[in-house]
Amino acid sequence: MKRYAQTLNLKDDPQIITRYVDYHRAVWPEVERGLKAAGIERMLIWRLGRRLFMVIETADGFDPARDWPRYLEMDPRIREWQSLMESFQEPVSDAKPGEWWAEMEPVYTLGD
C-alpha cells in the first residue's frame, strides 16, 4: 500500500465551505467507483476552517502521474465533479507552481 497526504484551502466564503461539505456527505457514485477503479483503496478528508487535509491509500501499483488522468477520463460525471470541487478550492500558499492539492512530506510515524 502507498499513502499520500495532501492539503489545499477552500475559498474563504462560509457558503462555499458549507456547499463543499454538503457535497461530500453524498459523493456521486460515479466518483467513488472511479476512485476505486483507479487504485485508490481509501480516501479521508479532514477540514479545519477552510484548510483541507487529505490522506489517500492506494494499491502498490498506483502511479499518480498515470492514474489521476486515467481517473478523470473514466466518466464525464467524474470530470463534472472535479470541476465543481475545484470551483470551491484554491491551492495553499506553499503549493508548487501548477500544484493544486499540495503534497505534504511525512515527518513522523508511530507503529508503521
N, C-alpha and C. Protein backbone atom coordinates (compact mmCIF):
# COMPACT_ATOMS: atom_id res chain seq x y z
N MET A 1 0.84 -1.18 0.00
CA MET A 1 0.00 0.00 0.00
C MET A 1 0.89 1.24 0.00
N LYS A 2 0.44 2.24 -0.76
CA LYS A 2 1.09 3.56 -0.75
C LYS A 2 0.16 4.53 -0.04
N ARG A 3 0.74 5.56 0.55
CA ARG A 3 -0.05 6.56 1.25
C ARG A 3 0.43 7.95 0.81
N TYR A 4 -0.53 8.82 0.53
CA TYR A 4 -0.25 10.20 0.13
C TYR A 4 -1.01 11.14 1.07
N ALA A 5 -0.38 12.23 1.46
CA ALA A 5 -1.04 13.27 2.27
C ALA A 5 -0.94 14.58 1.50
N GLN A 6 -2.07 15.26 1.37
CA GLN A 6 -2.13 16.48 0.59
C GLN A 6 -3.00 17.51 1.30
N THR A 7 -2.80 18.78 0.94
CA THR A 7 -3.60 19.83 1.53
C THR A 7 -3.95 20.90 0.50
N LEU A 8 -5.04 21.57 0.73
CA LEU A 8 -5.42 22.78 -0.01
C LEU A 8 -6.42 23.55 0.82
N ASN A 9 -6.82 24.70 0.32
CA ASN A 9 -7.79 25.54 1.02
C ASN A 9 -9.10 25.59 0.27
N LEU A 10 -10.17 25.72 1.01
CA LEU A 10 -11.44 26.11 0.41
C LEU A 10 -11.43 27.63 0.31
N LYS A 11 -12.18 28.15 -0.62
CA LYS A 11 -12.28 29.60 -0.74
C LYS A 11 -12.87 30.17 0.56
N ASP A 12 -12.47 31.38 0.88
CA ASP A 12 -12.84 31.99 2.15
C ASP A 12 -14.25 32.57 2.09
N ASP A 13 -15.23 31.66 2.07
CA ASP A 13 -16.63 32.03 1.98
C ASP A 13 -17.44 30.95 2.70
N PRO A 14 -18.13 31.29 3.78
CA PRO A 14 -18.86 30.28 4.55
C PRO A 14 -19.86 29.47 3.72
N GLN A 15 -20.51 30.10 2.75
CA GLN A 15 -21.47 29.36 1.91
C GLN A 15 -20.76 28.33 1.04
N ILE A 16 -19.60 28.68 0.50
CA ILE A 16 -18.83 27.73 -0.31
C ILE A 16 -18.38 26.55 0.55
N ILE A 17 -17.90 26.84 1.75
CA ILE A 17 -17.45 25.77 2.65
C ILE A 17 -18.61 24.84 2.98
N THR A 18 -19.78 25.39 3.28
CA THR A 18 -20.96 24.58 3.58
C THR A 18 -21.33 23.71 2.38
N ARG A 19 -21.34 24.29 1.19
CA ARG A 19 -21.68 23.51 0.00
C ARG A 19 -20.69 22.38 -0.22
N TYR A 20 -19.40 22.64 -0.05
CA TYR A 20 -18.37 21.62 -0.23
C TYR A 20 -18.62 20.44 0.73
N VAL A 21 -18.85 20.76 1.99
CA VAL A 21 -19.11 19.72 2.99
C VAL A 21 -20.39 18.96 2.63
N ASP A 22 -21.42 19.67 2.24
CA ASP A 22 -22.68 19.01 1.86
C ASP A 22 -22.48 18.05 0.69
N TYR A 23 -21.73 18.45 -0.33
CA TYR A 23 -21.48 17.55 -1.45
C TYR A 23 -20.77 16.28 -0.98
N HIS A 24 -19.87 16.41 -0.04
CA HIS A 24 -19.12 15.24 0.42
C HIS A 24 -19.93 14.34 1.36
N ARG A 25 -21.08 14.77 1.76
CA ARG A 25 -21.98 13.88 2.52
C ARG A 25 -22.68 12.89 1.59
N ALA A 26 -22.66 13.20 0.30
CA ALA A 26 -23.31 12.34 -0.70
C ALA A 26 -22.49 12.38 -2.00
N VAL A 27 -21.29 11.83 -1.94
CA VAL A 27 -20.41 11.82 -3.11
C VAL A 27 -21.07 11.01 -4.21
N TRP A 28 -20.99 11.53 -5.42
CA TRP A 28 -21.62 10.86 -6.55
C TRP A 28 -21.04 9.45 -6.73
N PRO A 29 -21.89 8.46 -7.00
CA PRO A 29 -21.42 7.07 -7.12
C PRO A 29 -20.37 6.89 -8.22
N GLU A 30 -20.49 7.64 -9.31
CA GLU A 30 -19.51 7.52 -10.39
C GLU A 30 -18.11 7.91 -9.90
N VAL A 31 -18.06 8.88 -9.01
CA VAL A 31 -16.78 9.34 -8.46
C VAL A 31 -16.17 8.25 -7.59
N GLU A 32 -16.97 7.69 -6.71
CA GLU A 32 -16.44 6.63 -5.83
C GLU A 32 -16.01 5.40 -6.62
N ARG A 33 -16.81 5.01 -7.61
CA ARG A 33 -16.43 3.87 -8.46
C ARG A 33 -15.13 4.16 -9.19
N GLY A 34 -15.00 5.36 -9.72
CA GLY A 34 -13.79 5.74 -10.46
C GLY A 34 -12.55 5.75 -9.58
N LEU A 35 -12.67 6.27 -8.37
CA LEU A 35 -11.53 6.29 -7.46
C LEU A 35 -11.05 4.87 -7.18
N LYS A 36 -11.99 3.97 -6.90
CA LYS A 36 -11.62 2.59 -6.63
C LYS A 36 -11.00 1.93 -7.86
N ALA A 37 -11.57 2.19 -9.03
CA ALA A 37 -11.05 1.60 -10.27
C ALA A 37 -9.65 2.12 -10.59
N ALA A 38 -9.33 3.34 -10.16
CA ALA A 38 -8.01 3.91 -10.41
C ALA A 38 -6.95 3.38 -9.44
N GLY A 39 -7.37 2.62 -8.42
CA GLY A 39 -6.41 2.04 -7.48
C GLY A 39 -6.41 2.70 -6.11
N ILE A 40 -7.37 3.59 -5.85
CA ILE A 40 -7.46 4.22 -4.54
C ILE A 40 -8.31 3.34 -3.64
N GLU A 41 -7.71 2.87 -2.58
CA GLU A 41 -8.40 1.95 -1.67
C GLU A 41 -9.10 2.68 -0.54
N ARG A 42 -8.56 3.82 -0.15
CA ARG A 42 -9.16 4.59 0.95
C ARG A 42 -8.79 6.05 0.78
N MET A 43 -9.76 6.93 1.05
CA MET A 43 -9.53 8.37 0.98
C MET A 43 -10.22 9.00 2.19
N LEU A 44 -9.47 9.82 2.90
CA LEU A 44 -10.01 10.53 4.06
C LEU A 44 -9.72 12.01 3.87
N ILE A 45 -10.71 12.86 4.13
CA ILE A 45 -10.52 14.31 4.05
C ILE A 45 -10.99 14.91 5.37
N TRP A 46 -10.13 15.71 5.99
CA TRP A 46 -10.46 16.46 7.20
C TRP A 46 -10.47 17.94 6.87
N ARG A 47 -11.19 18.71 7.69
CA ARG A 47 -11.27 20.16 7.50
C ARG A 47 -11.06 20.87 8.82
N LEU A 48 -10.30 21.95 8.78
CA LEU A 48 -10.16 22.87 9.89
C LEU A 48 -10.33 24.26 9.30
N GLY A 49 -11.45 24.92 9.63
CA GLY A 49 -11.73 26.21 8.99
C GLY A 49 -11.88 25.98 7.50
N ARG A 50 -11.01 26.61 6.73
CA ARG A 50 -11.07 26.42 5.29
C ARG A 50 -9.94 25.53 4.76
N ARG A 51 -9.09 25.03 5.64
CA ARG A 51 -7.99 24.14 5.25
C ARG A 51 -8.48 22.70 5.17
N LEU A 52 -8.17 22.03 4.06
CA LEU A 52 -8.47 20.61 3.91
C LEU A 52 -7.17 19.81 3.98
N PHE A 53 -7.26 18.64 4.57
CA PHE A 53 -6.15 17.70 4.65
C PHE A 53 -6.67 16.35 4.19
N MET A 54 -6.00 15.77 3.20
CA MET A 54 -6.47 14.51 2.61
C MET A 54 -5.38 13.45 2.70
N VAL A 55 -5.79 12.26 3.09
CA VAL A 55 -4.91 11.09 3.06
C VAL A 55 -5.51 10.11 2.08
N ILE A 56 -4.68 9.63 1.18
CA ILE A 56 -5.09 8.65 0.18
C ILE A 56 -4.23 7.41 0.36
N GLU A 57 -4.87 6.26 0.45
CA GLU A 57 -4.17 4.99 0.49
C GLU A 57 -4.49 4.26 -0.81
N THR A 58 -3.44 3.79 -1.48
CA THR A 58 -3.60 3.22 -2.81
C THR A 58 -2.99 1.83 -2.91
N ALA A 59 -3.33 1.17 -3.98
CA ALA A 59 -2.67 -0.08 -4.33
C ALA A 59 -1.20 0.22 -4.61
N ASP A 60 -0.35 -0.79 -4.44
CA ASP A 60 1.09 -0.60 -4.64
C ASP A 60 1.42 -0.11 -6.05
N GLY A 61 0.63 -0.52 -7.03
CA GLY A 61 0.91 -0.14 -8.41
C GLY A 61 0.42 1.24 -8.80
N PHE A 62 -0.21 1.95 -7.89
CA PHE A 62 -0.75 3.28 -8.20
C PHE A 62 0.37 4.25 -8.54
N ASP A 63 0.19 4.96 -9.64
CA ASP A 63 1.13 5.99 -10.08
C ASP A 63 0.34 7.27 -10.32
N PRO A 64 0.49 8.29 -9.47
CA PRO A 64 -0.31 9.50 -9.62
C PRO A 64 -0.23 10.13 -11.01
N ALA A 65 0.94 10.14 -11.61
CA ALA A 65 1.10 10.76 -12.93
C ALA A 65 0.29 10.03 -14.00
N ARG A 66 0.11 8.75 -13.83
CA ARG A 66 -0.65 7.95 -14.79
C ARG A 66 -2.11 7.82 -14.39
N ASP A 67 -2.37 7.57 -13.11
CA ASP A 67 -3.70 7.16 -12.68
C ASP A 67 -4.68 8.30 -12.42
N TRP A 68 -4.21 9.49 -12.01
CA TRP A 68 -5.15 10.61 -11.88
C TRP A 68 -5.75 11.00 -13.23
N PRO A 69 -4.91 11.17 -14.28
CA PRO A 69 -5.52 11.48 -15.59
C PRO A 69 -6.45 10.37 -16.08
N ARG A 70 -6.09 9.12 -15.83
CA ARG A 70 -6.94 7.99 -16.23
C ARG A 70 -8.27 8.04 -15.49
N TYR A 71 -8.23 8.36 -14.21
CA TYR A 71 -9.45 8.50 -13.41
C TYR A 71 -10.37 9.57 -14.00
N LEU A 72 -9.80 10.70 -14.37
CA LEU A 72 -10.61 11.80 -14.90
C LEU A 72 -11.28 11.47 -16.23
N GLU A 73 -10.74 10.51 -16.94
CA GLU A 73 -11.29 10.13 -18.24
C GLU A 73 -12.29 8.98 -18.16
N MET A 74 -12.51 8.41 -16.98
CA MET A 74 -13.37 7.23 -16.85
C MET A 74 -14.84 7.53 -17.08
N ASP A 75 -15.28 8.74 -16.75
CA ASP A 75 -16.72 9.04 -16.81
C ASP A 75 -16.89 10.55 -16.84
N PRO A 76 -17.76 11.06 -17.70
CA PRO A 76 -17.99 12.52 -17.74
C PRO A 76 -18.45 13.09 -16.39
N ARG A 77 -19.14 12.29 -15.59
CA ARG A 77 -19.58 12.76 -14.27
C ARG A 77 -18.39 13.01 -13.34
N ILE A 78 -17.32 12.25 -13.52
CA ILE A 78 -16.11 12.46 -12.72
C ILE A 78 -15.51 13.82 -13.06
N ARG A 79 -15.42 14.15 -14.32
CA ARG A 79 -14.90 15.47 -14.73
C ARG A 79 -15.81 16.58 -14.23
N GLU A 80 -17.12 16.36 -14.27
CA GLU A 80 -18.07 17.34 -13.77
C GLU A 80 -17.86 17.56 -12.26
N TRP A 81 -17.72 16.47 -11.51
CA TRP A 81 -17.46 16.56 -10.07
C TRP A 81 -16.17 17.33 -9.81
N GLN A 82 -15.13 16.94 -10.52
CA GLN A 82 -13.82 17.57 -10.31
C GLN A 82 -13.88 19.07 -10.57
N SER A 83 -14.52 19.45 -11.62
CA SER A 83 -14.66 20.87 -11.95
C SER A 83 -15.45 21.61 -10.87
N LEU A 84 -16.52 20.99 -10.40
CA LEU A 84 -17.33 21.59 -9.35
C LEU A 84 -16.51 21.75 -8.07
N MET A 85 -15.79 20.70 -7.66
CA MET A 85 -15.00 20.78 -6.43
C MET A 85 -13.91 21.84 -6.55
N GLU A 86 -13.26 21.92 -7.71
CA GLU A 86 -12.22 22.93 -7.90
C GLU A 86 -12.77 24.35 -7.82
N SER A 87 -14.05 24.53 -8.12
CA SER A 87 -14.65 25.87 -8.03
C SER A 87 -14.77 26.32 -6.58
N PHE A 88 -14.67 25.38 -5.63
CA PHE A 88 -14.74 25.69 -4.20
C PHE A 88 -13.34 25.84 -3.57
N GLN A 89 -12.31 25.45 -4.30
CA GLN A 89 -10.98 25.29 -3.73
C GLN A 89 -9.98 26.30 -4.28
N GLU A 90 -8.83 26.39 -3.56
CA GLU A 90 -7.68 27.15 -4.04
C GLU A 90 -6.43 26.54 -3.41
N PRO A 91 -5.32 26.57 -4.14
CA PRO A 91 -4.09 26.00 -3.58
C PRO A 91 -3.61 26.77 -2.35
N VAL A 92 -2.88 26.08 -1.50
CA VAL A 92 -2.25 26.74 -0.36
C VAL A 92 -1.06 27.55 -0.85
N SER A 93 -0.63 28.50 -0.05
CA SER A 93 0.47 29.38 -0.47
C SER A 93 1.78 28.62 -0.66
N ASP A 94 1.94 27.48 0.01
CA ASP A 94 3.17 26.69 -0.12
C ASP A 94 3.15 25.71 -1.29
N ALA A 95 2.07 25.67 -2.05
CA ALA A 95 1.99 24.75 -3.19
C ALA A 95 3.04 25.13 -4.24
N LYS A 96 3.55 24.11 -4.90
CA LYS A 96 4.49 24.33 -6.00
C LYS A 96 3.72 24.90 -7.19
N PRO A 97 4.40 25.59 -8.10
CA PRO A 97 3.71 26.11 -9.29
C PRO A 97 2.96 24.99 -10.02
N GLY A 98 1.69 25.23 -10.30
CA GLY A 98 0.87 24.25 -11.01
C GLY A 98 0.30 23.15 -10.14
N GLU A 99 0.63 23.13 -8.86
CA GLU A 99 0.16 22.09 -7.95
C GLU A 99 -1.16 22.55 -7.32
N TRP A 100 -2.18 21.70 -7.37
CA TRP A 100 -3.48 22.03 -6.78
C TRP A 100 -3.52 21.53 -5.35
N TRP A 101 -3.67 20.22 -5.17
CA TRP A 101 -3.52 19.62 -3.83
C TRP A 101 -2.02 19.53 -3.60
N ALA A 102 -1.50 20.24 -2.60
CA ALA A 102 -0.06 20.24 -2.33
C ALA A 102 0.33 18.98 -1.57
N GLU A 103 1.37 18.32 -2.08
CA GLU A 103 1.89 17.13 -1.40
C GLU A 103 2.54 17.54 -0.09
N MET A 104 2.26 16.77 0.95
CA MET A 104 2.86 17.00 2.25
C MET A 104 3.93 15.94 2.48
N GLU A 105 4.95 16.31 3.22
CA GLU A 105 6.04 15.37 3.48
C GLU A 105 5.86 14.74 4.85
N PRO A 106 6.08 13.43 4.94
CA PRO A 106 5.95 12.78 6.24
C PRO A 106 7.07 13.25 7.18
N VAL A 107 6.71 13.46 8.42
CA VAL A 107 7.66 13.92 9.42
C VAL A 107 7.86 12.87 10.51
N TYR A 108 6.79 12.19 10.87
CA TYR A 108 6.86 11.22 11.96
C TYR A 108 5.79 10.15 11.76
N THR A 109 6.14 8.92 12.10
CA THR A 109 5.19 7.81 12.06
C THR A 109 5.39 6.96 13.31
N LEU A 110 4.31 6.60 13.94
CA LEU A 110 4.35 5.70 15.08
C LEU A 110 3.71 4.38 14.65
N GLY A 111 4.47 3.32 14.69
CA GLY A 111 3.91 2.00 14.51
C GLY A 111 3.70 1.51 13.09
N ASP A 112 4.17 2.21 12.10
CA ASP A 112 4.01 1.69 10.73
C ASP A 112 5.17 0.82 10.36
